[in-house]
Structure formats: C-alpha cells, structure tokens
Amino acid sequence: MGHESDRMPDEDDGIFKLVPEEPSPAPAKIPRMIPRPVSQASFSDDDVGARKSPGAEDTPAASSPSHSILERDFPVSPSPAIPVEPIPSPASNTIAYHQPHIRTPEEDNPFPDKVIDFQMPVVLIVASVVIDTIAALIAGRGPAGLRPALIGLGIQVVVVSGLMLIGLLIAARFRGIDLGRLPVAILKLAAISIAPGAAVTLVSPFLNLIPFAGLVLGLGIRFVLYFALLGAMFKLDESDTWYCICVIFLVNLALYFTLLGFHLL
C-alpha cells in the first residue's frame, strides 16, 4: 500500500500531455546604418556624432572626420559675430618727438608783399623828403633854411612814427590785428607820418589862394590820406582803421597833457 504520491502518473495526466509549441516570433530587422560623407558645414562641433564619450575606444566611424552617424538635412546658419570693443590703452607720459621747424621761403622773406611792404613806403618817403626839401629851399630863399627844415622833418618822422607805433600796438592787442614784422611796420609808419604833410605842402600854393577854406581843406586832405594809407599799408578794414586812428589820437592827447603838466610846452 503505497502513498498516493508514489503512484506513477497515467499517460493521460496533464503533465505529460504534448502541447504543441508556439512559433517564436520572427527576429526584428534592424536597419543597417550606412555612413556617408558629410561636409564640415552641415554640423558643428557640438553635435553628438562628432563627440566621443570619455573612455570609449576609437572606432573607424568615430575616428573618421568625414563620416558621422547623425545626419542633418538642413543647413546650419553661422552664429553672428559679437563685436569686441578695443581696450583703451593707458595714457602715456612720454613726450612726442617734434621735428625741427623748417622755414619756408615766404617766412624767410622779410617783405612778403614787396609792393605794399617795401616799394610803396620807400617811394613815399623819398618823394616826401624831396617835396619838403624843395619847399624849404623856396621858403628860406636858399640853403640857409634847408638845415632847420630837414631837422624838423627828421624829428617829425621819429616822434610821429613812435606815437603811431604805440597806438597801433595797443590797437592790435585789443583788436587782434596782425601788423607783420616790426621793422616793416616801422618803415610803413615812417612813410605814413610824412606823406600826408608832403602832399598838403605840394598843393599849398593853390590852398593859399583861399584864405580860410584853404586851411580846412588842407586838414581834410591830410586826414583822408592818413586814413587811406593806414588802411592800405596794414590791410585794415574800415572799422579797424577807425579804431587805430582813435587810439593814436588818444596817445597823442595823453602825451600833450603830460608835457603840459611838466610845463614843457
């Protein structure tokens, strides 16, 4: 009498039933990826296919620069350039090299305008001296009156020219007038100081025919020539010429009252 578990199973038991096996599914077809050459402009260095994970072994696909596993069908626009502002350099304390000033022929020439700066003053001075000399000879009836006339003419040139120069320097300081070189300016002032008086002396025989109007007309001629020569010699406009004449008049007036105060007149 044995145990039920010791009984041999019958052939009809379910354990030994032959169950037909189900057909196994077909293996999935994995598409084979064929690498193809890709230009460098189609992807950047940040692409996954162009990077190699650390520790991975080099493979032919990873080592080839012209093949990539990841493929793009659209172009990549280049990133815009970012302007870089230049860094200002610190100020240098070094002294810049200055080349020596080379004087031009115009600067070396003491008379840039020979007609106004040299020829006209010289002609006026010579003509004035000749006219005053002849007038002194006629008035003195001989060489006896020549010496005092020439002394008076020399004093007039020195004193009047000096006062005019002082007035012009003051006017040029406040009006910004360019008088040019000092020797040339003195030559012009010498001509201006005696030329108007010589012109009046030249026409005095006709002015003496008019008792009182001749004197006024002579003063008018003297002033007009003085005004015209001063403006022409120093290339002044009308306003600058009037300004210089007013300053010169004030200088003469100050000298007159100074001499009068010291009882020298």
Protein backbone atom coordinates (compact mmCIF):
# COMPACT_ATOMS: atom_id res chain seq x y z
CA MET A 1 0.00 0.00 0.00
CA GLY A 2 1.78 2.87 -1.04
CA HIS A 3 1.31 6.60 -0.77
CA GLU A 4 -0.62 8.37 -3.36
CA SER A 5 2.39 10.45 -4.25
CA ASP A 6 4.26 7.24 -5.14
CA ARG A 7 1.77 6.40 -7.80
CA MET A 8 3.04 6.67 -11.27
CA PRO A 9 1.09 9.17 -13.27
CA ASP A 10 -1.01 7.98 -16.08
CA GLU A 11 -0.36 8.87 -19.58
CA ASP A 12 -3.48 10.94 -19.58
CA ASP A 13 -2.21 13.29 -16.97
CA GLY A 14 -1.72 16.87 -18.00
CA ILE A 15 1.93 16.85 -17.12
CA PHE A 16 2.87 14.52 -19.89
CA LYS A 17 0.45 15.94 -22.39
CA LEU A 18 2.25 17.08 -25.51
CA VAL A 19 1.39 20.68 -26.11
CA PRO A 20 2.41 21.97 -29.49
CA GLU A 21 4.98 24.74 -29.20
CA GLU A 22 4.00 28.23 -30.37
CA PRO A 23 6.08 29.50 -33.19
CA SER A 24 8.65 32.01 -31.94
CA PRO A 25 8.29 35.49 -33.37
CA ALA A 26 10.49 36.48 -36.24
CA PRO A 27 13.56 38.41 -35.20
CA ALA A 28 13.23 42.17 -35.60
CA LYS A 29 15.00 43.53 -38.56
CA ILE A 30 17.44 46.24 -37.50
CA PRO A 31 18.14 48.69 -40.31
CA ARG A 32 21.72 48.86 -41.19
CA MET A 33 23.05 52.38 -40.99
CA ILE A 34 25.39 53.15 -43.83
CA PRO A 35 27.65 56.13 -43.13
CA ARG A 36 28.08 58.64 -45.87
CA PRO A 37 30.41 61.63 -46.17
CA VAL A 38 29.13 64.84 -44.60
CA SER A 39 30.68 68.25 -45.15
CA GLN A 40 32.00 70.23 -42.22
CA ALA A 41 29.46 73.00 -42.83
CA SER A 42 26.47 70.66 -42.11
CA PHE A 43 27.14 70.31 -38.40
CA SER A 44 29.14 71.96 -35.68
CA ASP A 45 31.50 70.61 -33.10
CA ASP A 46 28.66 70.40 -30.58
CA ASP A 47 26.94 67.54 -32.45
CA VAL A 48 26.58 64.27 -30.63
CA GLY A 49 28.04 62.32 -33.51
CA ALA A 50 31.17 64.43 -33.57
CA ARG A 51 31.90 63.96 -29.85
CA LYS A 52 33.38 60.83 -28.36
CA SER A 53 32.40 59.80 -24.85
CA PRO A 54 35.27 59.53 -22.40
CA GLY A 55 36.65 56.03 -22.10
CA ALA A 56 35.20 54.80 -25.35
CA GLU A 57 37.51 53.04 -27.75
CA ASP A 58 38.26 54.54 -31.10
CA THR A 59 36.18 53.06 -33.86
CA PRO A 60 36.53 53.61 -37.58
CA ALA A 61 33.30 55.61 -37.56
CA ALA A 62 34.41 57.82 -34.70
CA SER A 63 37.94 58.31 -35.99
CA SER A 64 36.94 59.32 -39.49
CA PRO A 65 36.46 63.09 -39.77
CA SER A 66 34.34 62.82 -42.92
CA HIS A 67 31.65 60.41 -41.61
CA SER A 68 29.02 60.91 -38.96
CA ILE A 69 26.34 58.65 -37.50
CA LEU A 70 23.97 61.56 -37.01
CA GLU A 71 22.77 63.12 -40.21
CA ARG A 72 21.16 66.51 -40.78
CA ASP A 73 19.02 67.55 -43.70
CA PHE A 74 19.06 71.30 -43.01
CA PRO A 75 21.93 73.83 -43.16
CA VAL A 76 23.19 75.44 -40.00
CA SER A 77 23.35 79.21 -40.09
CA PRO A 78 26.62 80.65 -38.80
CA SER A 79 26.41 82.33 -35.44
CA PRO A 80 26.57 86.17 -35.59
CA ALA A 81 29.89 87.76 -34.81
CA ILE A 82 29.98 89.58 -31.49
CA PRO A 83 31.79 92.94 -31.75
CA VAL A 84 34.65 93.28 -29.36
CA GLU A 85 35.34 96.76 -28.04
CA PRO A 86 39.01 97.65 -28.03
CA ILE A 87 40.54 98.17 -24.64
CA PRO A 88 41.81 101.76 -24.39
CA SER A 89 45.49 101.93 -23.79
CA PRO A 90 46.60 103.94 -20.79
CA ALA A 91 47.74 107.49 -21.40
CA SER A 92 51.42 107.71 -21.99
CA ASN A 93 53.53 110.36 -20.30
CA THR A 94 56.19 110.27 -22.96
CA ILE A 95 56.89 113.47 -24.88
CA ALA A 96 56.16 113.25 -28.59
CA TYR A 97 59.08 113.90 -30.91
CA HIS A 98 58.79 117.25 -32.63
CA GLN A 99 60.52 117.68 -35.93
CA PRO A 100 62.50 120.88 -36.35
CA HIS A 101 60.57 123.68 -38.00
CA ILE A 102 61.85 124.29 -41.49
CA ARG A 103 61.29 127.86 -42.56
CA THR A 104 59.67 128.31 -45.92
CA PRO A 105 60.90 130.91 -48.45
CA GLU A 106 57.83 133.04 -47.62
CA GLU A 107 58.80 133.08 -43.94
CA ASP A 108 62.42 133.94 -44.73
CA ASN A 109 61.36 136.81 -46.96
CA PRO A 110 61.10 139.99 -44.84
CA PHE A 111 58.78 141.55 -47.45
CA PRO A 112 56.05 139.05 -48.39
CA ASP A 113 54.23 141.72 -50.41
CA LYS A 114 57.01 143.77 -51.94
CA VAL A 115 54.69 146.44 -53.34
CA ILE A 116 52.98 147.30 -50.02
CA ASP A 117 55.74 146.28 -47.62
CA PHE A 118 58.73 147.84 -49.37
CA GLN A 119 58.22 149.70 -52.62
CA MET A 120 55.30 151.91 -51.60
CA PRO A 121 56.81 153.06 -48.27
CA VAL A 122 60.20 153.78 -49.84
CA VAL A 123 58.65 155.75 -52.71
CA LEU A 124 56.50 157.77 -50.30
CA ILE A 125 59.45 158.54 -48.03
CA VAL A 126 61.73 159.58 -50.86
CA ALA A 127 59.03 161.69 -52.52
CA SER A 128 58.11 163.36 -49.23
CA VAL A 129 61.73 164.22 -48.46
CA VAL A 130 62.18 165.69 -51.93
CA ILE A 131 58.98 167.75 -51.66
CA ASP A 132 59.84 169.10 -48.18
CA THR A 133 63.39 169.86 -49.23
CA ILE A 134 62.28 171.87 -52.26
CA ALA A 135 59.67 173.67 -50.14
CA ALA A 136 62.34 174.56 -47.54
CA LEU A 137 64.63 175.90 -50.23
CA ILE A 138 61.85 178.03 -51.67
CA ALA A 139 60.67 179.30 -48.29
CA GLY A 140 64.19 180.02 -46.99
CA ARG A 141 65.30 181.52 -50.31
CA GLY A 142 68.46 179.45 -50.36
CA PRO A 143 70.40 176.77 -48.50
CA ALA A 144 70.16 178.68 -45.24
CA GLY A 145 66.69 177.34 -44.49
CA LEU A 146 67.42 173.80 -45.59
CA ARG A 147 69.06 172.60 -42.40
CA PRO A 148 66.25 173.58 -39.99
CA ALA A 149 63.69 172.05 -42.39
CA LEU A 150 65.49 168.74 -42.54
CA ILE A 151 65.92 168.65 -38.75
CA GLY A 152 62.22 169.32 -38.29
CA LEU A 153 61.38 166.63 -40.81
CA GLY A 154 63.62 164.11 -39.00
CA ILE A 155 62.01 164.93 -35.64
CA GLN A 156 58.57 164.60 -37.18
CA VAL A 157 59.41 161.17 -38.59
CA VAL A 158 60.81 159.88 -35.29
CA VAL A 159 58.20 161.35 -32.93
CA VAL A 160 55.10 160.84 -35.04
CA SER A 161 56.14 157.37 -36.09
CA GLY A 162 56.86 156.41 -32.47
CA LEU A 163 53.47 157.66 -31.26
CA MET A 164 51.72 155.88 -34.12
CA LEU A 165 53.58 152.67 -33.35
CA ILE A 166 52.50 152.81 -29.70
CA GLY A 167 48.90 153.41 -30.74
CA LEU A 168 48.94 150.59 -33.29
CA LEU A 169 50.44 148.14 -30.81
CA ILE A 170 47.68 148.95 -28.32
CA ALA A 171 45.01 148.63 -31.00
CA ALA A 172 46.46 145.37 -32.28
CA ARG A 173 46.45 143.97 -28.74
CA PHE A 174 42.71 144.53 -28.30
CA ARG A 175 41.53 144.01 -31.89
CA GLY A 176 43.79 141.11 -32.87
CA ILE A 177 45.37 142.99 -35.79
CA ASP A 178 48.41 141.47 -37.47
CA LEU A 179 50.97 144.23 -38.00
CA GLY A 180 53.56 141.92 -39.53
CA ARG A 181 57.24 142.21 -38.74
CA LEU A 182 58.25 145.14 -36.57
CA PRO A 183 60.93 146.62 -38.91
CA VAL A 184 58.49 146.54 -41.82
CA ALA A 185 55.79 148.16 -39.66
CA ILE A 186 58.20 150.95 -38.64
CA LEU A 187 59.06 151.57 -42.30
CA LYS A 188 55.37 151.89 -43.15
CA LEU A 189 54.71 154.23 -40.25
CA ALA A 190 57.59 156.44 -41.29
CA ALA A 191 56.00 156.80 -44.73
CA ILE A 192 52.55 157.47 -43.25
CA SER A 193 53.91 160.10 -40.85
CA ILE A 194 55.34 162.41 -43.53
CA ALA A 195 53.48 161.57 -46.76
CA PRO A 196 50.18 163.39 -45.96
CA GLY A 197 52.06 166.55 -44.88
CA ALA A 198 54.17 166.45 -48.03
CA ALA A 199 51.04 166.13 -50.16
CA VAL A 200 49.50 169.19 -48.48
CA THR A 201 52.77 171.07 -48.96
CA LEU A 202 52.65 170.17 -52.64
CA VAL A 203 49.19 171.70 -53.12
CA SER A 204 49.69 174.57 -50.64
CA PRO A 205 50.20 177.21 -53.40
CA PHE A 206 46.63 176.53 -54.52
CA LEU A 207 45.27 176.31 -50.96
CA ASN A 208 46.79 179.67 -50.04
CA LEU A 209 44.56 181.31 -52.59
CA ILE A 210 41.59 180.55 -50.33
CA PRO A 211 42.05 182.46 -47.05
CA PHE A 212 40.19 180.30 -44.54
CA ALA A 213 38.78 177.39 -46.51
CA GLY A 214 42.25 176.52 -47.74
CA LEU A 215 43.37 175.68 -44.19
CA VAL A 216 40.33 173.49 -43.56
CA LEU A 217 40.71 171.82 -46.94
CA GLY A 218 44.38 171.14 -46.21
CA LEU A 219 43.50 169.46 -42.91
CA GLY A 220 40.86 167.40 -44.70
CA ILE A 221 43.36 166.25 -47.33
CA ARG A 222 45.86 165.38 -44.65
CA PHE A 223 43.30 163.27 -42.72
CA VAL A 224 41.99 161.47 -45.82
CA LEU A 225 45.50 160.49 -46.92
CA TYR A 226 46.39 159.45 -43.38
CA PHE A 227 43.27 157.25 -43.16
CA ALA A 228 43.78 155.74 -46.63
CA LEU A 229 47.49 154.97 -46.18
CA LEU A 230 46.99 153.44 -42.74
CA GLY A 231 44.28 151.10 -44.02
CA ALA A 232 46.16 150.21 -47.20
CA MET A 233 49.58 149.66 -45.62
CA PHE A 234 48.34 147.33 -42.87
CA LYS A 235 45.39 145.86 -44.84
CA LEU A 236 42.77 147.04 -42.35
CA ASP A 237 39.04 147.28 -42.89
CA GLU A 238 37.13 150.47 -42.15
CA SER A 239 36.26 149.63 -38.54
CA ASP A 240 39.82 148.61 -37.66
CA THR A 241 41.19 151.74 -39.30
CA TRP A 242 38.89 153.99 -37.28
CA TYR A 243 39.81 152.12 -34.12
CA CYS A 244 43.54 152.58 -34.75
CA ILE A 245 43.12 156.29 -35.52
CA CYS A 246 41.16 156.83 -32.31
CA VAL A 247 43.81 155.02 -30.25
CA ILE A 248 46.61 157.01 -31.90
CA PHE A 249 44.72 160.25 -31.19
CA LEU A 250 44.34 159.30 -27.52
CA VAL A 251 48.07 158.52 -27.30
CA ASN A 252 48.92 161.94 -28.75
CA LEU A 253 46.45 163.58 -26.40
CA ALA A 254 47.96 161.82 -23.38
CA LEU A 255 51.46 162.94 -24.44
CA TYR A 256 50.27 166.52 -24.88
CA PHE A 257 48.73 166.74 -21.40
CA THR A 258 51.78 165.04 -19.90
CA LEU A 259 54.12 167.63 -21.40
CA LEU A 260 51.72 170.37 -20.40
CA GLY A 261 51.72 169.10 -16.80
CA PHE A 262 55.51 169.25 -16.64
CA HIS A 263 55.46 172.76 -18.17
CA LEU A 264 57.40 171.58 -21.18
CA LEU A 265 55.02 173.25 -23.64
